[in-house]
Amino acid sequence: MLKPLLIAAALLGLPLTAHAQEPIFKASKIVLVGDSTVAVNSGWGGAFCATHVTSNLACVNLGRGGRSSRTYREEGSWALALKEISAGGFDETFVLIQLGHNDQPGRPERSTDLATEFPVNMRRFVEEARAAGAKPVLVTPLIRRQFKDGQVFDDLAPWAEAIRKLAAETNTPLVDLHALSR
């Protein structure tokens, strides 16, 4: 049984070793990192993955509700994302990072300081994603559906601006979901 397979492999020019080869086609992967506005069943991430997965593109949604730029890391979600990024097998991996909703003051167990802690946390995500071989993409937090006197009450503008500034400083692509969702 083995001899006919070896002959066929030789005739077809196939290697006779059993080691894994690089795939013939180039596939990419997108890893989504964020809070409930990204997570499956509560945010845009589920629909994004459902409509963008093809035979040449995989999408993994690691969004988790109620997480800030601090707690996403503290609870181990970022470690999981880094393992997913480093798993290999793909030509390139993109990491879309959207946090900010739960970084706002009011819940000390998860909030971060906008002037110091939030930008440092987000910069670390960018640097560590790059170090793991991924191409990070920053996404500003989408606007909340809050209104005051018939106008949009935009309490996330400072967090969106911090992300825009970081994207410019680190030469990281930006999706301005805050502006798009306004």
N, C-alpha and C. Protein backbone atom coordinates (compact mmCIF):
# COMPACT_ATOMS: atom_id res chain seq x y z
N MET A 1 0.82 -1.20 0.00
CA MET A 1 0.00 0.00 0.00
C MET A 1 0.86 1.25 0.00
N LEU A 2 1.94 1.25 0.77
CA LEU A 2 2.80 2.41 0.86
C LEU A 2 3.56 2.66 -0.44
N LYS A 3 3.97 1.62 -1.12
CA LYS A 3 4.76 1.76 -2.34
C LYS A 3 3.99 2.51 -3.44
N PRO A 4 2.70 2.20 -3.71
CA PRO A 4 1.97 2.98 -4.73
C PRO A 4 1.85 4.46 -4.36
N LEU A 5 1.72 4.77 -3.08
CA LEU A 5 1.63 6.17 -2.65
C LEU A 5 2.95 6.89 -2.90
N LEU A 6 4.05 6.23 -2.63
CA LEU A 6 5.36 6.83 -2.87
C LEU A 6 5.59 7.08 -4.35
N ILE A 7 5.19 6.13 -5.19
CA ILE A 7 5.33 6.28 -6.64
C ILE A 7 4.47 7.44 -7.14
N ALA A 8 3.23 7.52 -6.65
CA ALA A 8 2.33 8.61 -7.04
C ALA A 8 2.89 9.96 -6.60
N ALA A 9 3.42 10.02 -5.40
CA ALA A 9 4.00 11.26 -4.89
C ALA A 9 5.19 11.68 -5.76
N ALA A 10 6.02 10.72 -6.13
CA ALA A 10 7.18 11.03 -6.96
C ALA A 10 6.76 11.52 -8.34
N LEU A 11 5.75 10.89 -8.94
CA LEU A 11 5.27 11.29 -10.26
C LEU A 11 4.67 12.70 -10.24
N LEU A 12 4.01 13.03 -9.14
CA LEU A 12 3.38 14.34 -9.02
C LEU A 12 4.34 15.42 -8.53
N GLY A 13 5.55 15.01 -8.21
CA GLY A 13 6.53 15.99 -7.72
C GLY A 13 6.28 16.42 -6.29
N LEU A 14 5.55 15.59 -5.52
CA LEU A 14 5.27 15.93 -4.13
C LEU A 14 6.45 15.52 -3.26
N PRO A 15 6.70 16.27 -2.19
CA PRO A 15 7.79 15.89 -1.30
C PRO A 15 7.45 14.58 -0.59
N LEU A 16 8.46 13.82 -0.29
CA LEU A 16 8.26 12.53 0.35
C LEU A 16 8.43 12.60 1.86
N THR A 17 8.60 13.78 2.40
CA THR A 17 8.73 13.92 3.85
C THR A 17 7.37 14.18 4.46
N ALA A 18 7.25 13.90 5.75
CA ALA A 18 5.97 14.02 6.42
C ALA A 18 5.80 15.35 7.15
N HIS A 19 6.74 16.28 6.99
CA HIS A 19 6.62 17.54 7.72
C HIS A 19 5.58 18.46 7.07
N ALA A 20 5.06 19.38 7.88
CA ALA A 20 4.05 20.32 7.39
C ALA A 20 4.69 21.33 6.45
N GLN A 21 3.93 21.74 5.45
CA GLN A 21 4.40 22.72 4.49
C GLN A 21 3.65 24.02 4.67
N GLU A 22 4.24 25.07 4.13
CA GLU A 22 3.54 26.34 4.08
C GLU A 22 2.33 26.17 3.18
N PRO A 23 1.19 26.77 3.53
CA PRO A 23 0.02 26.64 2.65
C PRO A 23 0.27 27.28 1.30
N ILE A 24 -0.37 26.76 0.28
CA ILE A 24 -0.23 27.29 -1.07
C ILE A 24 -0.91 28.66 -1.17
N PHE A 25 -2.03 28.82 -0.47
CA PHE A 25 -2.73 30.10 -0.50
C PHE A 25 -2.34 30.92 0.72
N LYS A 26 -2.55 32.20 0.65
CA LYS A 26 -2.22 33.11 1.74
C LYS A 26 -3.50 33.48 2.47
N ALA A 27 -3.58 33.12 3.74
CA ALA A 27 -4.75 33.43 4.55
C ALA A 27 -4.36 34.43 5.63
N SER A 28 -5.29 35.29 5.99
CA SER A 28 -5.08 36.28 7.04
C SER A 28 -6.08 36.02 8.16
N LYS A 29 -5.78 36.61 9.32
CA LYS A 29 -6.66 36.47 10.48
C LYS A 29 -6.87 37.84 11.10
N ILE A 30 -8.09 38.06 11.58
CA ILE A 30 -8.43 39.26 12.32
C ILE A 30 -8.82 38.82 13.73
N VAL A 31 -8.22 39.45 14.73
CA VAL A 31 -8.56 39.20 16.12
C VAL A 31 -9.19 40.48 16.66
N LEU A 32 -10.39 40.36 17.21
CA LEU A 32 -11.08 41.52 17.77
C LEU A 32 -10.89 41.54 19.28
N VAL A 33 -10.48 42.68 19.81
CA VAL A 33 -10.25 42.88 21.23
C VAL A 33 -11.10 44.05 21.67
N GLY A 34 -11.85 43.89 22.75
CA GLY A 34 -12.65 45.01 23.23
C GLY A 34 -13.64 44.64 24.30
N ASP A 35 -14.58 45.55 24.51
CA ASP A 35 -15.60 45.40 25.54
C ASP A 35 -16.91 44.91 24.92
N SER A 36 -18.04 45.14 25.58
CA SER A 36 -19.33 44.64 25.10
C SER A 36 -19.72 45.21 23.74
N THR A 37 -19.19 46.37 23.38
CA THR A 37 -19.53 46.95 22.08
C THR A 37 -18.87 46.20 20.94
N VAL A 38 -17.95 45.29 21.28
CA VAL A 38 -17.29 44.43 20.30
C VAL A 38 -17.78 42.99 20.42
N ALA A 39 -18.14 42.57 21.61
CA ALA A 39 -18.42 41.17 21.94
C ALA A 39 -19.56 40.57 21.12
N VAL A 40 -19.50 39.25 20.97
CA VAL A 40 -20.56 38.49 20.31
C VAL A 40 -21.86 38.70 21.09
N ASN A 41 -22.96 38.83 20.39
CA ASN A 41 -24.31 38.98 20.94
C ASN A 41 -24.59 40.32 21.62
N SER A 42 -23.63 41.26 21.60
CA SER A 42 -23.94 42.56 22.17
C SER A 42 -23.33 43.72 21.40
N GLY A 43 -22.39 43.44 20.52
CA GLY A 43 -21.71 44.51 19.81
C GLY A 43 -21.57 44.23 18.33
N TRP A 44 -20.77 45.05 17.68
CA TRP A 44 -20.59 44.96 16.24
C TRP A 44 -19.70 43.79 15.84
N GLY A 45 -18.91 43.23 16.74
CA GLY A 45 -17.95 42.20 16.41
C GLY A 45 -18.54 40.92 15.84
N GLY A 46 -19.67 40.49 16.39
CA GLY A 46 -20.29 39.26 15.88
C GLY A 46 -20.69 39.38 14.42
N ALA A 47 -21.33 40.48 14.07
CA ALA A 47 -21.74 40.69 12.68
C ALA A 47 -20.53 40.90 11.78
N PHE A 48 -19.51 41.58 12.30
CA PHE A 48 -18.29 41.80 11.53
C PHE A 48 -17.67 40.46 11.15
N CYS A 49 -17.48 39.59 12.13
CA CYS A 49 -16.89 38.28 11.84
C CYS A 49 -17.80 37.45 10.92
N ALA A 50 -19.08 37.51 11.16
CA ALA A 50 -20.01 36.71 10.35
C ALA A 50 -20.01 37.12 8.89
N THR A 51 -19.76 38.38 8.60
CA THR A 51 -19.83 38.84 7.21
C THR A 51 -18.47 38.95 6.53
N HIS A 52 -17.38 38.81 7.28
CA HIS A 52 -16.06 38.97 6.68
C HIS A 52 -15.22 37.70 6.64
N VAL A 53 -15.71 36.62 7.21
CA VAL A 53 -14.95 35.38 7.16
C VAL A 53 -15.09 34.77 5.78
N THR A 54 -13.96 34.46 5.17
CA THR A 54 -13.92 33.81 3.86
C THR A 54 -12.92 32.67 3.94
N SER A 55 -12.72 31.99 2.86
CA SER A 55 -11.73 30.92 2.88
C SER A 55 -10.32 31.46 3.03
N ASN A 56 -10.13 32.76 2.83
CA ASN A 56 -8.81 33.36 2.98
C ASN A 56 -8.73 34.31 4.18
N LEU A 57 -9.76 34.34 5.01
CA LEU A 57 -9.76 35.24 6.16
C LEU A 57 -10.51 34.60 7.32
N ALA A 58 -9.83 34.53 8.45
CA ALA A 58 -10.45 34.03 9.68
C ALA A 58 -10.69 35.22 10.60
N CYS A 59 -11.68 35.13 11.45
CA CYS A 59 -12.00 36.21 12.38
C CYS A 59 -12.30 35.59 13.74
N VAL A 60 -11.61 36.09 14.76
CA VAL A 60 -11.79 35.59 16.12
C VAL A 60 -12.19 36.78 16.99
N ASN A 61 -13.35 36.68 17.62
CA ASN A 61 -13.86 37.77 18.44
C ASN A 61 -13.59 37.47 19.91
N LEU A 62 -12.70 38.26 20.51
CA LEU A 62 -12.36 38.09 21.92
C LEU A 62 -12.86 39.26 22.76
N GLY A 63 -13.89 39.95 22.25
CA GLY A 63 -14.52 41.03 23.02
C GLY A 63 -15.21 40.47 24.25
N ARG A 64 -15.12 41.21 25.38
CA ARG A 64 -15.74 40.77 26.62
C ARG A 64 -16.44 41.95 27.27
N GLY A 65 -17.70 41.75 27.59
CA GLY A 65 -18.49 42.82 28.20
C GLY A 65 -17.93 43.29 29.53
N GLY A 66 -18.06 44.60 29.77
CA GLY A 66 -17.69 45.19 31.05
C GLY A 66 -16.20 45.35 31.28
N ARG A 67 -15.37 45.19 30.26
CA ARG A 67 -13.94 45.26 30.46
C ARG A 67 -13.39 46.63 30.06
N SER A 68 -12.45 47.09 30.85
CA SER A 68 -11.74 48.33 30.55
C SER A 68 -10.35 47.98 30.03
N SER A 69 -9.57 48.99 29.70
CA SER A 69 -8.22 48.73 29.22
C SER A 69 -7.36 48.10 30.31
N ARG A 70 -7.75 48.25 31.56
CA ARG A 70 -7.03 47.62 32.67
C ARG A 70 -7.53 46.21 32.93
N THR A 71 -8.85 46.05 33.06
CA THR A 71 -9.39 44.73 33.43
C THR A 71 -9.31 43.71 32.30
N TYR A 72 -9.28 44.17 31.05
CA TYR A 72 -9.12 43.22 29.94
C TYR A 72 -7.80 42.48 30.09
N ARG A 73 -6.79 43.19 30.52
CA ARG A 73 -5.48 42.58 30.74
C ARG A 73 -5.48 41.79 32.06
N GLU A 74 -5.95 42.40 33.14
CA GLU A 74 -5.90 41.76 34.46
C GLU A 74 -6.61 40.42 34.51
N GLU A 75 -7.70 40.29 33.79
CA GLU A 75 -8.49 39.06 33.84
C GLU A 75 -8.01 37.99 32.86
N GLY A 76 -6.96 38.27 32.11
CA GLY A 76 -6.37 37.28 31.24
C GLY A 76 -6.84 37.29 29.80
N SER A 77 -7.73 38.18 29.45
CA SER A 77 -8.23 38.22 28.06
C SER A 77 -7.13 38.62 27.09
N TRP A 78 -6.27 39.55 27.49
CA TRP A 78 -5.20 39.98 26.59
C TRP A 78 -4.19 38.85 26.41
N ALA A 79 -3.91 38.09 27.46
CA ALA A 79 -3.00 36.94 27.32
C ALA A 79 -3.56 35.94 26.32
N LEU A 80 -4.87 35.72 26.36
CA LEU A 80 -5.52 34.84 25.40
C LEU A 80 -5.39 35.41 23.98
N ALA A 81 -5.60 36.71 23.84
CA ALA A 81 -5.47 37.35 22.52
C ALA A 81 -4.04 37.20 21.99
N LEU A 82 -3.05 37.38 22.85
CA LEU A 82 -1.66 37.23 22.41
C LEU A 82 -1.37 35.79 21.96
N LYS A 83 -1.94 34.81 22.63
CA LYS A 83 -1.77 33.42 22.20
C LYS A 83 -2.42 33.20 20.83
N GLU A 84 -3.58 33.79 20.64
CA GLU A 84 -4.28 33.68 19.35
C GLU A 84 -3.46 34.35 18.25
N ILE A 85 -2.90 35.50 18.54
CA ILE A 85 -2.08 36.23 17.58
C ILE A 85 -0.85 35.43 17.21
N SER A 86 -0.22 34.81 18.19
CA SER A 86 1.04 34.09 17.99
C SER A 86 0.87 32.67 17.48
N ALA A 87 -0.37 32.21 17.32
CA ALA A 87 -0.62 30.81 16.96
C ALA A 87 -0.01 30.41 15.62
N GLY A 88 0.17 31.35 14.72
CA GLY A 88 0.80 31.04 13.44
C GLY A 88 -0.17 30.45 12.43
N GLY A 89 0.38 30.09 11.28
CA GLY A 89 -0.41 29.49 10.22
C GLY A 89 -1.05 30.49 9.27
N PHE A 90 -0.97 31.76 9.59
CA PHE A 90 -1.59 32.78 8.76
C PHE A 90 -0.51 33.69 8.18
N ASP A 91 -0.78 34.19 7.00
CA ASP A 91 0.16 35.09 6.33
C ASP A 91 0.32 36.37 7.13
N GLU A 92 -0.77 36.91 7.64
CA GLU A 92 -0.73 38.10 8.47
C GLU A 92 -1.92 38.09 9.41
N THR A 93 -1.73 38.73 10.55
CA THR A 93 -2.78 38.81 11.57
C THR A 93 -2.97 40.27 11.94
N PHE A 94 -4.22 40.70 11.91
CA PHE A 94 -4.60 42.06 12.30
C PHE A 94 -5.32 41.97 13.64
N VAL A 95 -5.07 42.95 14.52
CA VAL A 95 -5.76 43.00 15.80
C VAL A 95 -6.47 44.34 15.88
N LEU A 96 -7.81 44.30 15.89
CA LEU A 96 -8.60 45.51 16.05
C LEU A 96 -8.87 45.68 17.54
N ILE A 97 -8.45 46.83 18.11
CA ILE A 97 -8.51 47.07 19.54
C ILE A 97 -9.44 48.24 19.81
N GLN A 98 -10.54 47.97 20.52
CA GLN A 98 -11.48 49.03 20.88
C GLN A 98 -11.85 48.92 22.35
N LEU A 99 -11.40 49.88 23.12
CA LEU A 99 -11.74 49.97 24.54
C LEU A 99 -12.00 51.43 24.87
N GLY A 100 -12.56 51.69 26.03
CA GLY A 100 -12.81 53.07 26.45
C GLY A 100 -14.13 53.24 27.19
N HIS A 101 -15.16 52.48 26.79
CA HIS A 101 -16.47 52.63 27.44
C HIS A 101 -16.41 52.39 28.94
N ASN A 102 -15.67 51.40 29.34
CA ASN A 102 -15.63 51.03 30.76
C ASN A 102 -14.43 51.62 31.48
N ASP A 103 -13.68 52.45 30.79
CA ASP A 103 -12.56 53.14 31.42
C ASP A 103 -13.01 54.42 32.10
N GLN A 104 -14.21 54.86 31.81
CA GLN A 104 -14.71 56.10 32.38
C GLN A 104 -14.89 56.00 33.89
N PRO A 105 -14.80 57.14 34.59
CA PRO A 105 -14.97 57.14 36.05
C PRO A 105 -16.36 56.65 36.45
N GLY A 106 -16.45 56.19 37.69
CA GLY A 106 -17.74 55.77 38.21
C GLY A 106 -17.72 54.36 38.77
N ARG A 107 -16.86 53.52 38.25
CA ARG A 107 -16.75 52.15 38.74
C ARG A 107 -15.26 51.90 39.04
N PRO A 108 -14.83 52.13 40.26
CA PRO A 108 -13.40 52.04 40.59
C PRO A 108 -12.77 50.69 40.28
N GLU A 109 -13.56 49.63 40.26
CA GLU A 109 -13.01 48.30 39.99
C GLU A 109 -12.54 48.14 38.55
N ARG A 110 -12.93 49.09 37.68
CA ARG A 110 -12.51 48.95 36.29
C ARG A 110 -12.09 50.26 35.63
N SER A 111 -12.43 51.40 36.17
CA SER A 111 -12.12 52.68 35.51
C SER A 111 -10.62 52.95 35.52
N THR A 112 -10.19 53.77 34.57
CA THR A 112 -8.78 54.17 34.48
C THR A 112 -8.71 55.69 34.35
N ASP A 113 -7.57 56.23 34.66
CA ASP A 113 -7.37 57.67 34.54
C ASP A 113 -7.11 58.01 33.07
N LEU A 114 -7.88 58.94 32.54
CA LEU A 114 -7.79 59.30 31.12
C LEU A 114 -6.44 59.94 30.77
N ALA A 115 -5.88 60.70 31.69
CA ALA A 115 -4.64 61.42 31.39
C ALA A 115 -3.40 60.54 31.48
N THR A 116 -3.45 59.51 32.30
CA THR A 116 -2.23 58.73 32.51
C THR A 116 -2.43 57.24 32.20
N GLU A 117 -3.32 56.58 32.88
CA GLU A 117 -3.44 55.13 32.79
C GLU A 117 -4.00 54.64 31.45
N PHE A 118 -5.07 55.24 30.95
CA PHE A 118 -5.70 54.78 29.71
C PHE A 118 -4.74 54.82 28.51
N PRO A 119 -4.07 55.95 28.25
CA PRO A 119 -3.17 55.97 27.10
C PRO A 119 -2.00 54.98 27.24
N VAL A 120 -1.50 54.79 28.46
CA VAL A 120 -0.41 53.84 28.69
C VAL A 120 -0.89 52.42 28.40
N ASN A 121 -2.08 52.08 28.89
CA ASN A 121 -2.64 50.75 28.64
C ASN A 121 -2.80 50.50 27.14
N MET A 122 -3.35 51.47 26.44
CA MET A 122 -3.61 51.29 25.01
C MET A 122 -2.30 51.20 24.22
N ARG A 123 -1.31 51.98 24.61
CA ARG A 123 0.00 51.92 23.95
C ARG A 123 0.61 50.52 24.14
N ARG A 124 0.47 49.96 25.33
CA ARG A 124 0.99 48.61 25.58
C ARG A 124 0.34 47.59 24.67
N PHE A 125 -0.98 47.70 24.46
CA PHE A 125 -1.67 46.78 23.55
C PHE A 125 -1.05 46.86 22.15
N VAL A 126 -0.82 48.06 21.67
CA VAL A 126 -0.24 48.26 20.34
C VAL A 126 1.16 47.66 20.27
N GLU A 127 1.99 48.00 21.24
CA GLU A 127 3.38 47.52 21.24
C GLU A 127 3.45 46.00 21.35
N GLU A 128 2.64 45.42 22.23
CA GLU A 128 2.68 43.97 22.43
C GLU A 128 2.09 43.22 21.24
N ALA A 129 1.08 43.79 20.59
CA ALA A 129 0.53 43.16 19.39
C ALA A 129 1.60 43.12 18.29
N ARG A 130 2.31 44.23 18.13
CA ARG A 130 3.39 44.27 17.13
C ARG A 130 4.50 43.28 17.48
N ALA A 131 4.87 43.22 18.75
CA ALA A 131 5.93 42.30 19.17
C ALA A 131 5.53 40.84 18.93
N ALA A 132 4.23 40.56 18.97
CA ALA A 132 3.73 39.20 18.72
C ALA A 132 3.57 38.91 17.24
N GLY A 133 3.87 39.91 16.39
CA GLY A 133 3.81 39.70 14.94
C GLY A 133 2.53 40.16 14.27
N ALA A 134 1.66 40.83 15.01
CA ALA A 134 0.39 41.28 14.45
C ALA A 134 0.48 42.73 13.98
N LYS A 135 -0.51 43.11 13.20
CA LYS A 135 -0.66 44.49 12.76
C LYS A 135 -1.84 45.08 13.53
N PRO A 136 -1.57 45.92 14.53
CA PRO A 136 -2.68 46.48 15.31
C PRO A 136 -3.42 47.56 14.54
N VAL A 137 -4.70 47.65 14.82
CA VAL A 137 -5.57 48.71 14.29
C VAL A 137 -6.35 49.23 15.49
N LEU A 138 -6.24 50.53 15.76
CA LEU A 138 -6.99 51.11 16.87
C LEU A 138 -8.37 51.53 16.39
N VAL A 139 -9.36 51.31 17.25
CA VAL A 139 -10.75 51.65 16.94
C VAL A 139 -11.25 52.54 18.07
N THR A 140 -11.73 53.73 17.74
CA THR A 140 -12.27 54.61 18.77
C THR A 140 -13.59 54.04 19.29
N PRO A 141 -13.92 54.31 20.56
CA PRO A 141 -15.18 53.80 21.09
C PRO A 141 -16.36 54.42 20.36
N LEU A 142 -17.35 53.59 20.04
CA LEU A 142 -18.51 54.14 19.36
C LEU A 142 -19.33 54.97 20.33
N ILE A 143 -20.05 55.91 19.79
CA ILE A 143 -20.79 56.86 20.62
C ILE A 143 -21.99 56.18 21.26
N ARG A 144 -22.32 56.60 22.46
CA ARG A 144 -23.50 56.06 23.14
C ARG A 144 -24.75 56.78 22.63
N ARG A 145 -25.87 56.09 22.69
CA ARG A 145 -27.15 56.71 22.30
C ARG A 145 -27.72 57.45 23.50
N GLN A 146 -27.09 58.58 23.81
CA GLN A 146 -27.53 59.43 24.91
C GLN A 146 -27.83 60.81 24.35
N PHE A 147 -28.93 61.38 24.83
CA PHE A 147 -29.34 62.68 24.32
C PHE A 147 -29.67 63.62 25.48
N LYS A 148 -29.40 64.89 25.26
CA LYS A 148 -29.71 65.93 26.23
C LYS A 148 -30.23 67.13 25.45
N ASP A 149 -31.44 67.53 25.74
CA ASP A 149 -32.08 68.65 25.04
C ASP A 149 -32.11 68.43 23.53
N GLY A 150 -32.37 67.19 23.12
CA GLY A 150 -32.48 66.86 21.71
C GLY A 150 -31.16 66.71 20.97
N GLN A 151 -30.06 66.82 21.66
CA GLN A 151 -28.73 66.72 21.05
C GLN A 151 -28.00 65.50 21.62
N VAL A 152 -27.09 64.97 20.83
CA VAL A 152 -26.28 63.86 21.30
C VAL A 152 -25.43 64.33 22.48
N PHE A 153 -25.49 63.58 23.56
CA PHE A 153 -24.64 63.83 24.72
C PHE A 153 -23.43 62.92 24.57
N ASP A 154 -22.29 63.50 24.23
CA ASP A 154 -21.10 62.74 23.86
C ASP A 154 -20.10 62.69 25.01
N ASP A 155 -20.27 61.74 25.90
CA ASP A 155 -19.37 61.63 27.05
C ASP A 155 -18.10 60.82 26.72
N LEU A 156 -18.02 60.23 25.54
CA LEU A 156 -16.85 59.44 25.17
C LEU A 156 -15.86 60.19 24.28
N ALA A 157 -16.14 61.42 23.97
CA ALA A 157 -15.26 62.21 23.09
C ALA A 157 -13.81 62.25 23.60
N PRO A 158 -13.56 62.44 24.89
CA PRO A 158 -12.16 62.47 25.35
C PRO A 158 -11.44 61.13 25.15
N TRP A 159 -12.13 60.04 25.31
CA TRP A 159 -11.51 58.72 25.10
C TRP A 159 -11.24 58.48 23.62
N ALA A 160 -12.16 58.91 22.78
CA ALA A 160 -11.95 58.79 21.33
C ALA A 160 -10.76 59.64 20.91
N GLU A 161 -10.65 60.83 21.47
CA GLU A 161 -9.52 61.71 21.13
C GLU A 161 -8.20 61.11 21.60
N ALA A 162 -8.19 60.47 22.76
CA ALA A 162 -6.97 59.82 23.25
C ALA A 162 -6.52 58.71 22.29
N ILE A 163 -7.48 57.98 21.73
CA ILE A 163 -7.16 56.91 20.77
C ILE A 163 -6.63 57.52 19.47
N ARG A 164 -7.26 58.58 18.99
CA ARG A 164 -6.79 59.25 17.77
C ARG A 164 -5.34 59.72 17.95
N LYS A 165 -5.06 60.32 19.09
CA LYS A 165 -3.72 60.83 19.39
C LYS A 165 -2.71 59.68 19.42
N LEU A 166 -3.06 58.58 20.07
CA LEU A 166 -2.17 57.42 20.15
C LEU A 166 -1.92 56.83 18.77
N ALA A 167 -2.96 56.75 17.95
CA ALA A 167 -2.80 56.22 16.60
C ALA A 167 -1.79 57.06 15.81
N ALA A 168 -1.88 58.37 15.94
CA ALA A 168 -0.95 59.26 15.23
C ALA A 168 0.47 59.10 15.77
N GLU A 169 0.60 59.03 17.09
CA GLU A 169 1.93 58.92 17.71
C GLU A 169 2.63 57.60 17.36
N THR A 170 1.86 56.54 17.24
CA THR A 170 2.45 55.21 17.02
C THR A 170 2.35 54.75 15.57
N ASN A 171 1.86 55.63 14.71
CA ASN A 171 1.68 55.29 13.30
C ASN A 171 0.86 54.01 13.15
N THR A 172 -0.25 53.96 13.87
CA THR A 172 -1.15 52.80 13.86
C THR A 172 -2.40 53.16 13.09
N PRO A 173 -2.85 52.30 12.18
CA PRO A 173 -4.11 52.58 11.47
C PRO A 173 -5.25 52.79 12.47
N LEU A 174 -6.18 53.64 12.09
CA LEU A 174 -7.29 54.02 12.97
C LEU A 174 -8.62 53.85 12.25
N VAL A 175 -9.58 53.25 12.94
CA VAL A 175 -10.97 53.26 12.49
C VAL A 175 -11.69 54.19 13.48
N ASP A 176 -12.16 55.32 12.99
CA ASP A 176 -12.81 56.29 13.86
C ASP A 176 -14.29 55.96 13.97
N LEU A 177 -14.57 54.90 14.71
CA LEU A 177 -15.95 54.46 14.90
C LEU A 177 -16.77 55.48 15.68
N HIS A 178 -16.09 56.25 16.51
CA HIS A 178 -16.78 57.30 17.26
C HIS A 178 -17.40 58.31 16.31
N ALA A 179 -16.61 58.78 15.36
CA ALA A 179 -17.12 59.76 14.39
C ALA A 179 -18.16 59.11 13.48
N LEU A 180 -17.89 57.88 13.05
CA LEU A 180 -18.83 57.19 12.15
C LEU A 180 -20.18 56.89 12.81
N SER A 181 -20.17 56.65 14.12
CA SER A 181 -21.42 56.29 14.81
C SER A 181 -22.17 57.52 15.30
N ARG A 182 -21.56 58.67 15.23
CA ARG A 182 -22.22 59.90 15.68
C ARG A 182 -23.42 60.20 14.80
